[in-house]
Amino acid sequence: MNESDNVVIKAVDLKKHFEAKLGLLDTLMRRKILIRAVDGVSIWVKKGEILGLAGESGSGKTTLGRTLLRLIEPTSGHIYFRDLEITRLSKRELKRIRPKIQIIFQDPFESVNPRMTVYDVVAEGLRINRRVLGVKSEKDIEEMVKQALALVQLVPPEQFLNRYPHELSGGQRQRVAIARALVLKPEFIVADEPVSMLDVSIRAEVLNVMMDLKDKLGLSFLMITHDLALAKHVCDRLAIMYLGKIVEMGNAEEVINQPLHPYTQALIAAIPSGDPEGRKVKVLAKGEVPSSVNIPNGCRFHPRCPYAKELCARVEPELRSVGNEHYVACHYYEEALSYFKSQNA
């Protein structure tokens, strides 16, 4: 794959398998069933870009994001931060780079401790990583907290320092969660559905904050989302995930305007149209998402795919370049694209 020199974080053939919880009989017979949540993903995020990660629930998006940060330990594969492989670093070694790789969780009502003030929520990471960051005094911490709150437009910050989460709106809580990540001066942030729990009127404000930070600080984001319409306008590149695999990846606008994978087309067909009289792409995908325990042989999407042939049931397609940094894992992507174009002609 064609990575540039300014890659911040990269995964190579990353896998995360979980053991399924079994009943008494299976346990006694020592059966082991694996859930292949992330199953051989290679992905990279460049400096100053937002890479969107989309797919249905259960596709492995959140597991991939957390495994990249080693909040969940990978089963196999390699993770690189800059030129440093962090896959097997000890906890002590990992602590030195932990401030540089952060996460914004999906639900600000759950991820922000209701018993702590805004000041303590944002300052907690500074106190934990005091030695790594070279923070000398509580006065330094207070100044850094104020700067982080100002960056996320909670101004003047003095009015928010002593408030508790229940005194804030949903959008303000999520900004506190963003400030908690930013205060450590990270280079890479996983944003796990950062606006899905917020009212529509507040979403634009939080997204604008993220995009401003990307431009001002050169931050890199992996933004996990279900909303492809949102991803088109916010993300620089877009990766589509299905049953633990990346099936398509490329420039966000190109992936949505000219989707090559039938699964991507199915996701796009589900986007609500602002024009009730407008023409919609006919959804050809059928059936339900298979279980991560019983993944089909060959192409994982073939039981639901309208273009599937004998080859698809037998050979799993590799993610390959089709030009212009656009990648797809489909044996018959040209046929899929031809159909999509005919529907939008």
Protein backbone atom coordinates (compact mmCIF):
# COMPACT_ATOMS: atom_id res chain seq x y z
CA MET A 1 0.00 0.00 0.00
CA ASN A 2 1.12 3.50 -0.78
CA GLU A 3 1.83 5.29 2.48
CA SER A 4 3.48 8.70 2.52
CA ASP A 5 6.28 9.77 4.83
CA ASN A 6 3.95 11.69 7.15
CA VAL A 7 2.00 8.67 8.44
CA VAL A 8 1.21 9.11 12.15
CA ILE A 9 -0.21 5.69 12.94
CA LYS A 10 -0.32 2.48 10.93
CA ALA A 11 -1.65 -1.04 11.42
CA VAL A 12 -0.38 -4.00 9.41
CA ASP A 13 -2.45 -7.21 9.29
CA LEU A 14 -3.95 -6.36 12.68
CA LYS A 15 -6.16 -9.00 14.32
CA LYS A 16 -8.22 -9.07 17.50
CA HIS A 17 -10.07 -12.27 18.35
CA PHE A 18 -12.17 -12.82 21.46
CA GLU A 19 -13.20 -16.10 23.02
CA ALA A 20 -16.99 -16.41 23.03
CA LYS A 21 -18.72 -17.13 26.32
CA LEU A 22 -19.95 -20.71 26.21
CA GLY A 23 -22.48 -22.79 28.08
CA LEU A 24 -21.61 -25.38 30.71
CA LEU A 25 -21.48 -28.32 28.28
CA ASP A 26 -19.15 -26.53 25.85
CA THR A 27 -16.93 -25.47 28.76
CA LEU A 28 -16.71 -29.03 30.09
CA MET A 29 -15.83 -30.31 26.61
CA ARG A 30 -13.19 -27.56 26.37
CA ARG A 31 -14.58 -26.15 23.18
CA LYS A 32 -13.20 -22.81 22.09
CA ILE A 33 -15.14 -20.48 19.80
CA LEU A 34 -13.50 -17.30 18.53
CA ILE A 35 -15.17 -14.02 17.64
CA ARG A 36 -13.02 -12.49 14.89
CA ALA A 37 -13.83 -8.85 15.58
CA VAL A 38 -10.80 -7.49 13.69
CA ASP A 39 -9.40 -9.99 11.23
CA GLY A 40 -6.39 -8.80 9.28
CA VAL A 41 -6.73 -5.03 8.88
CA SER A 42 -4.04 -2.84 7.32
CA ILE A 43 -4.75 0.86 7.66
CA TRP A 44 -2.89 4.15 8.10
CA VAL A 45 -3.66 7.73 9.11
CA LYS A 46 -1.59 10.67 7.85
CA LYS A 47 -0.66 13.82 9.72
CA GLY A 48 -3.44 16.41 9.74
CA GLU A 49 -6.14 14.21 8.21
CA ILE A 50 -9.44 12.73 9.35
CA LEU A 51 -9.88 9.11 8.29
CA GLY A 52 -13.49 8.00 8.57
CA LEU A 53 -14.28 4.39 9.52
CA ALA A 54 -17.81 3.32 8.62
CA GLY A 55 -19.85 0.14 8.65
CA GLU A 56 -22.84 -1.52 10.30
CA SER A 57 -22.96 -2.24 14.03
CA GLY A 58 -20.86 -5.29 14.83
CA SER A 59 -18.43 -4.77 11.96
CA GLY A 60 -15.51 -4.24 14.37
CA LYS A 61 -15.02 -0.46 14.10
CA THR A 62 -14.75 0.33 17.81
CA THR A 63 -12.59 -2.74 18.47
CA LEU A 64 -10.21 -1.61 15.73
CA GLY A 65 -10.00 1.91 17.18
CA ARG A 66 -9.29 0.69 20.69
CA THR A 67 -6.80 -1.92 19.51
CA LEU A 68 -4.86 0.75 17.58
CA LEU A 69 -4.38 2.56 20.92
CA ARG A 70 -3.69 -0.71 22.76
CA LEU A 71 -6.62 -0.13 25.07
CA ILE A 72 -7.34 -3.67 23.88
CA GLU A 73 -4.37 -5.95 23.29
CA PRO A 74 -4.10 -7.24 19.69
CA THR A 75 -4.11 -10.96 18.95
CA SER A 76 -1.53 -10.51 16.19
CA GLY A 77 -0.27 -7.98 13.66
CA HIS A 78 1.74 -4.79 14.01
CA ILE A 79 0.94 -1.23 15.13
CA TYR A 80 3.32 1.64 14.40
CA PHE A 81 3.26 5.13 15.89
CA ARG A 82 5.51 7.19 13.66
CA ASP A 83 8.50 4.85 13.16
CA LEU A 84 8.08 3.08 16.50
CA GLU A 85 6.36 -0.30 16.66
CA ILE A 86 4.18 -0.19 19.76
CA THR A 87 2.58 -3.61 19.42
CA ARG A 88 4.69 -5.31 22.07
CA LEU A 89 5.84 -2.39 24.22
CA SER A 90 5.63 -2.96 27.96
CA LYS A 91 3.20 -0.87 30.02
CA ARG A 92 6.06 1.29 31.24
CA GLU A 93 7.36 1.89 27.70
CA LEU A 94 3.84 2.52 26.37
CA LYS A 95 3.22 5.12 29.08
CA ARG A 96 5.82 7.39 27.45
CA ILE A 97 3.80 7.70 24.25
CA ARG A 98 0.31 7.35 25.76
CA PRO A 99 -0.24 11.16 25.82
CA LYS A 100 0.34 11.23 22.05
CA ILE A 101 -2.47 8.77 21.24
CA GLN A 102 -5.85 9.55 22.77
CA ILE A 103 -9.54 8.65 22.43
CA ILE A 104 -12.85 10.50 22.57
CA PHE A 105 -15.55 8.07 23.66
CA GLN A 106 -19.02 7.93 22.16
CA ASP A 107 -21.16 8.79 25.17
CA PRO A 108 -20.18 11.92 27.16
CA PHE A 109 -22.78 11.02 29.78
CA GLU A 110 -20.88 7.81 30.56
CA SER A 111 -17.26 8.73 29.84
CA VAL A 112 -17.12 11.88 32.01
CA ASN A 113 -17.08 11.17 35.77
CA PRO A 114 -20.16 12.90 37.27
CA ARG A 115 -18.43 13.29 40.65
CA MET A 116 -15.51 15.30 39.29
CA THR A 117 -15.44 18.97 38.35
CA VAL A 118 -14.58 19.97 34.80
CA TYR A 119 -11.17 21.05 36.05
CA ASP A 120 -10.43 17.66 37.61
CA VAL A 121 -11.74 15.77 34.56
CA VAL A 122 -9.42 17.62 32.19
CA ALA A 123 -6.49 17.76 34.63
CA GLU A 124 -6.55 14.03 35.49
CA GLY A 125 -4.44 12.98 32.49
CA LEU A 126 -1.89 15.71 33.23
CA ARG A 127 -1.49 14.49 36.80
CA ILE A 128 -1.13 10.85 35.73
CA ASN A 129 1.43 11.73 33.03
CA ARG A 130 3.14 14.48 35.01
CA ARG A 131 6.66 13.10 34.61
CA VAL A 132 6.27 12.20 30.95
CA LEU A 133 4.99 15.68 30.09
CA GLY A 134 7.38 17.54 32.38
CA VAL A 135 4.59 19.33 34.26
CA LYS A 136 6.10 20.93 37.34
CA SER A 137 3.30 22.47 39.37
CA GLU A 138 -0.47 22.65 39.88
CA LYS A 139 -0.30 26.18 38.49
CA ASP A 140 1.06 24.77 35.23
CA ILE A 141 -1.76 22.23 35.18
CA GLU A 142 -4.39 24.94 35.70
CA GLU A 143 -2.98 26.99 32.83
CA MET A 144 -2.95 23.97 30.49
CA VAL A 145 -6.53 23.08 31.43
CA LYS A 146 -7.66 26.63 30.65
CA GLN A 147 -5.91 26.51 27.29
CA ALA A 148 -7.59 23.19 26.41
CA LEU A 149 -11.04 24.50 27.36
CA ALA A 150 -10.46 27.60 25.24
CA LEU A 151 -9.49 25.42 22.27
CA VAL A 152 -12.86 23.66 22.41
CA GLN A 153 -14.64 27.01 22.78
CA LEU A 154 -15.70 26.65 26.42
CA VAL A 155 -15.02 30.31 27.13
CA PRO A 156 -14.25 31.98 29.34
CA PRO A 157 -12.74 28.79 30.84
CA GLU A 158 -12.93 30.18 34.39
CA GLN A 159 -16.73 29.86 34.22
CA PHE A 160 -16.48 26.10 33.62
CA LEU A 161 -13.62 24.96 35.87
CA ASN A 162 -15.72 24.33 38.98
CA ARG A 163 -18.86 23.05 37.28
CA TYR A 164 -19.96 19.42 37.47
CA PRO A 165 -21.07 17.44 34.40
CA HIS A 166 -24.76 17.59 35.37
CA GLU A 167 -24.54 21.38 35.03
CA LEU A 168 -23.51 21.12 31.39
CA SER A 169 -25.40 20.45 28.17
CA GLY A 170 -24.62 17.37 26.07
CA GLY A 171 -22.53 19.41 23.66
CA GLN A 172 -20.58 21.00 26.50
CA ARG A 173 -19.91 17.58 28.04
CA GLN A 174 -18.53 16.28 24.77
CA ARG A 175 -16.31 19.36 24.49
CA VAL A 176 -14.98 18.58 27.96
CA ALA A 177 -14.23 15.04 26.73
CA ILE A 178 -12.39 16.52 23.73
CA ALA A 179 -10.50 18.93 25.99
CA ARG A 180 -9.47 16.00 28.22
CA ALA A 181 -7.79 14.41 25.19
CA LEU A 182 -6.34 17.66 23.83
CA VAL A 183 -4.72 18.79 27.07
CA LEU A 184 -2.08 16.07 26.64
CA LYS A 185 -1.10 17.53 23.24
CA PRO A 186 -1.72 14.33 21.27
CA GLU A 187 -0.84 13.71 17.64
CA PHE A 188 -3.54 11.10 16.99
CA ILE A 189 -7.09 10.79 18.36
CA VAL A 190 -9.68 8.03 17.89
CA ALA A 191 -13.09 9.74 17.88
CA ASP A 192 -15.65 6.99 18.45
CA GLU A 193 -19.01 8.27 17.17
CA PRO A 194 -18.23 11.66 18.76
CA VAL A 195 -21.59 13.27 17.93
CA SER A 196 -24.02 10.33 17.80
CA MET A 197 -25.35 10.99 21.32
CA LEU A 198 -25.89 14.71 20.70
CA ASP A 199 -28.85 16.68 19.40
CA VAL A 200 -28.65 17.61 15.72
CA SER A 201 -28.40 21.30 16.63
CA ILE A 202 -25.22 20.64 18.65
CA ARG A 203 -23.48 18.22 16.28
CA ALA A 204 -22.24 20.89 13.88
CA GLU A 205 -20.64 22.84 16.74
CA VAL A 206 -18.66 19.82 18.00
CA LEU A 207 -17.61 18.79 14.48
CA ASN A 208 -16.47 22.33 13.70
CA VAL A 209 -14.31 22.20 16.84
CA MET A 210 -12.68 18.96 15.63
CA MET A 211 -12.03 20.33 12.15
CA ASP A 212 -10.58 23.57 13.54
CA LEU A 213 -8.22 21.56 15.75
CA LYS A 214 -7.14 19.47 12.77
CA ASP A 215 -6.26 22.64 10.86
CA LYS A 216 -4.72 24.60 13.75
CA LEU A 217 -2.76 21.83 15.46
CA GLY A 218 -2.23 19.35 12.63
CA LEU A 219 -4.05 16.63 14.58
CA SER A 220 -4.91 13.30 12.99
CA PHE A 221 -8.24 11.60 13.67
CA LEU A 222 -9.75 8.18 13.13
CA MET A 223 -13.44 9.05 13.19
CA ILE A 224 -15.73 6.07 13.69
CA THR A 225 -19.18 6.80 12.30
CA HIS A 226 -22.40 5.31 10.92
CA ASP A 227 -23.24 8.52 9.06
CA LEU A 228 -21.79 8.46 5.54
CA ALA A 229 -23.36 11.80 4.65
CA LEU A 230 -21.47 13.31 7.58
CA ALA A 231 -18.26 11.48 6.65
CA LYS A 232 -18.37 12.90 3.12
CA HIS A 233 -18.18 16.46 4.44
CA VAL A 234 -15.89 15.93 7.45
CA CYS A 235 -13.42 13.20 6.49
CA ASP A 236 -10.49 13.38 4.09
CA ARG A 237 -10.46 9.63 3.47
CA LEU A 238 -12.99 6.92 4.21
CA ALA A 239 -12.58 3.22 5.05
CA ILE A 240 -15.54 0.84 4.92
CA MET A 241 -15.46 -2.12 7.32
CA TYR A 242 -17.46 -5.34 7.13
CA LEU A 243 -17.13 -8.33 9.47
CA GLY A 244 -13.66 -7.41 10.69
CA LYS A 245 -12.20 -6.47 7.28
CA ILE A 246 -11.69 -3.26 5.35
CA VAL A 247 -13.55 -3.75 2.05
CA GLU A 248 -13.01 -0.31 0.52
CA MET A 249 -10.85 2.73 1.26
CA GLY A 250 -10.07 5.97 -0.51
CA ASN A 251 -10.83 9.66 -0.81
CA ALA A 252 -14.10 10.20 1.08
CA GLU A 253 -15.88 12.02 -1.73
CA GLU A 254 -14.75 9.49 -4.33
CA VAL A 255 -15.77 6.48 -2.23
CA ILE A 256 -19.28 7.91 -1.76
CA ASN A 257 -19.74 9.25 -5.30
CA GLN A 258 -18.21 6.21 -7.03
CA PRO A 259 -18.43 3.25 -4.62
CA LEU A 260 -16.76 0.12 -5.95
CA HIS A 261 -17.81 -2.43 -3.34
CA PRO A 262 -21.42 -3.69 -3.26
CA TYR A 263 -21.46 -3.28 0.53
CA THR A 264 -20.46 0.38 0.23
CA GLN A 265 -23.26 0.83 -2.28
CA ALA A 266 -25.74 -0.71 0.16
CA LEU A 267 -24.65 1.72 2.89
CA ILE A 268 -24.97 4.69 0.52
CA ALA A 269 -28.42 3.58 -0.62
CA ALA A 270 -29.52 3.79 3.01
CA ILE A 271 -28.61 7.49 3.31
CA PRO A 272 -31.85 9.51 3.59
CA SER A 273 -32.39 11.85 0.65
CA GLY A 274 -33.21 15.51 1.19
CA ASP A 275 -35.34 15.39 -1.95
CA PRO A 276 -38.42 13.14 -1.54
CA GLU A 277 -38.90 13.16 -5.32
CA GLY A 278 -35.24 12.42 -6.00
CA ARG A 279 -34.09 9.15 -7.52
CA LYS A 280 -32.69 6.59 -5.09
CA VAL A 281 -30.26 3.77 -5.76
CA LYS A 282 -32.04 0.44 -5.56
CA VAL A 283 -30.73 -1.65 -2.66
CA LEU A 284 -29.67 -5.05 -3.96
CA ALA A 285 -27.96 -6.38 -0.81
CA LYS A 286 -30.05 -9.04 0.86
CA GLY A 287 -30.26 -10.80 4.21
CA GLU A 288 -28.73 -10.02 7.57
CA VAL A 289 -25.13 -9.54 8.66
CA PRO A 290 -23.61 -12.97 9.50
CA SER A 291 -22.18 -13.61 12.94
CA SER A 292 -18.50 -12.86 13.61
CA VAL A 293 -18.33 -16.43 14.95
CA ASN A 294 -19.45 -18.06 11.70
CA ILE A 295 -17.86 -15.92 9.00
CA PRO A 296 -18.62 -17.19 5.45
CA ASN A 297 -15.83 -18.70 3.36
CA GLY A 298 -14.48 -16.68 0.48
CA CYS A 299 -15.72 -13.12 0.28
CA ARG A 300 -17.49 -12.32 3.54
CA PHE A 301 -20.18 -10.36 1.73
CA HIS A 302 -20.97 -12.96 -0.92
CA PRO A 303 -24.13 -14.42 0.75
CA ARG A 304 -25.71 -10.93 0.53
CA CYS A 305 -24.11 -9.77 -2.74
CA PRO A 306 -26.11 -9.51 -6.01
CA TYR A 307 -22.96 -9.94 -8.11
CA ALA A 308 -21.60 -13.02 -6.31
CA LYS A 309 -20.32 -15.88 -8.43
CA GLU A 310 -18.65 -19.20 -7.70
CA LEU A 311 -15.25 -17.53 -7.26
CA CYS A 312 -16.62 -15.30 -4.48
CA ALA A 313 -17.67 -18.27 -2.35
CA ARG A 314 -14.27 -19.87 -2.76
CA VAL A 315 -11.62 -17.11 -2.73
CA GLU A 316 -11.46 -14.18 -0.36
CA PRO A 317 -10.53 -11.03 -2.34
CA GLU A 318 -7.50 -9.00 -1.24
CA LEU A 319 -7.73 -5.26 -0.65
CA ARG A 320 -6.03 -3.93 -3.79
CA SER A 321 -5.34 -0.56 -5.36
CA VAL A 322 -7.42 0.49 -8.37
CA GLY A 323 -5.62 3.82 -8.76
CA ASN A 324 -5.72 7.23 -7.09
CA GLU A 325 -5.18 5.69 -3.63
CA HIS A 326 -8.56 3.95 -3.93
CA TYR A 327 -8.60 0.37 -2.61
CA VAL A 328 -11.30 -2.30 -2.87
CA ALA A 329 -11.67 -5.97 -1.91
CA CYS A 330 -14.04 -7.28 -4.57
CA HIS A 331 -13.58 -9.66 -7.52
CA TYR A 332 -16.29 -7.92 -9.59
CA TYR A 333 -16.05 -4.28 -8.52
CA GLU A 334 -16.26 -3.04 -12.13
CA GLU A 335 -19.66 -4.68 -12.54
CA ALA A 336 -20.81 -3.13 -9.24
CA LEU A 337 -19.65 0.34 -10.29
CA SER A 338 -21.37 0.00 -13.68
CA TYR A 339 -24.67 -0.76 -11.95
CA PHE A 340 -24.26 2.15 -9.53
CA LYS A 341 -23.61 4.58 -12.40
CA SER A 342 -26.67 3.31 -14.29
CA GLN A 343 -28.83 3.97 -11.25
CA ASN A 344 -27.52 7.53 -10.96
CA ALA A 345 -27.55 8.37 -14.68
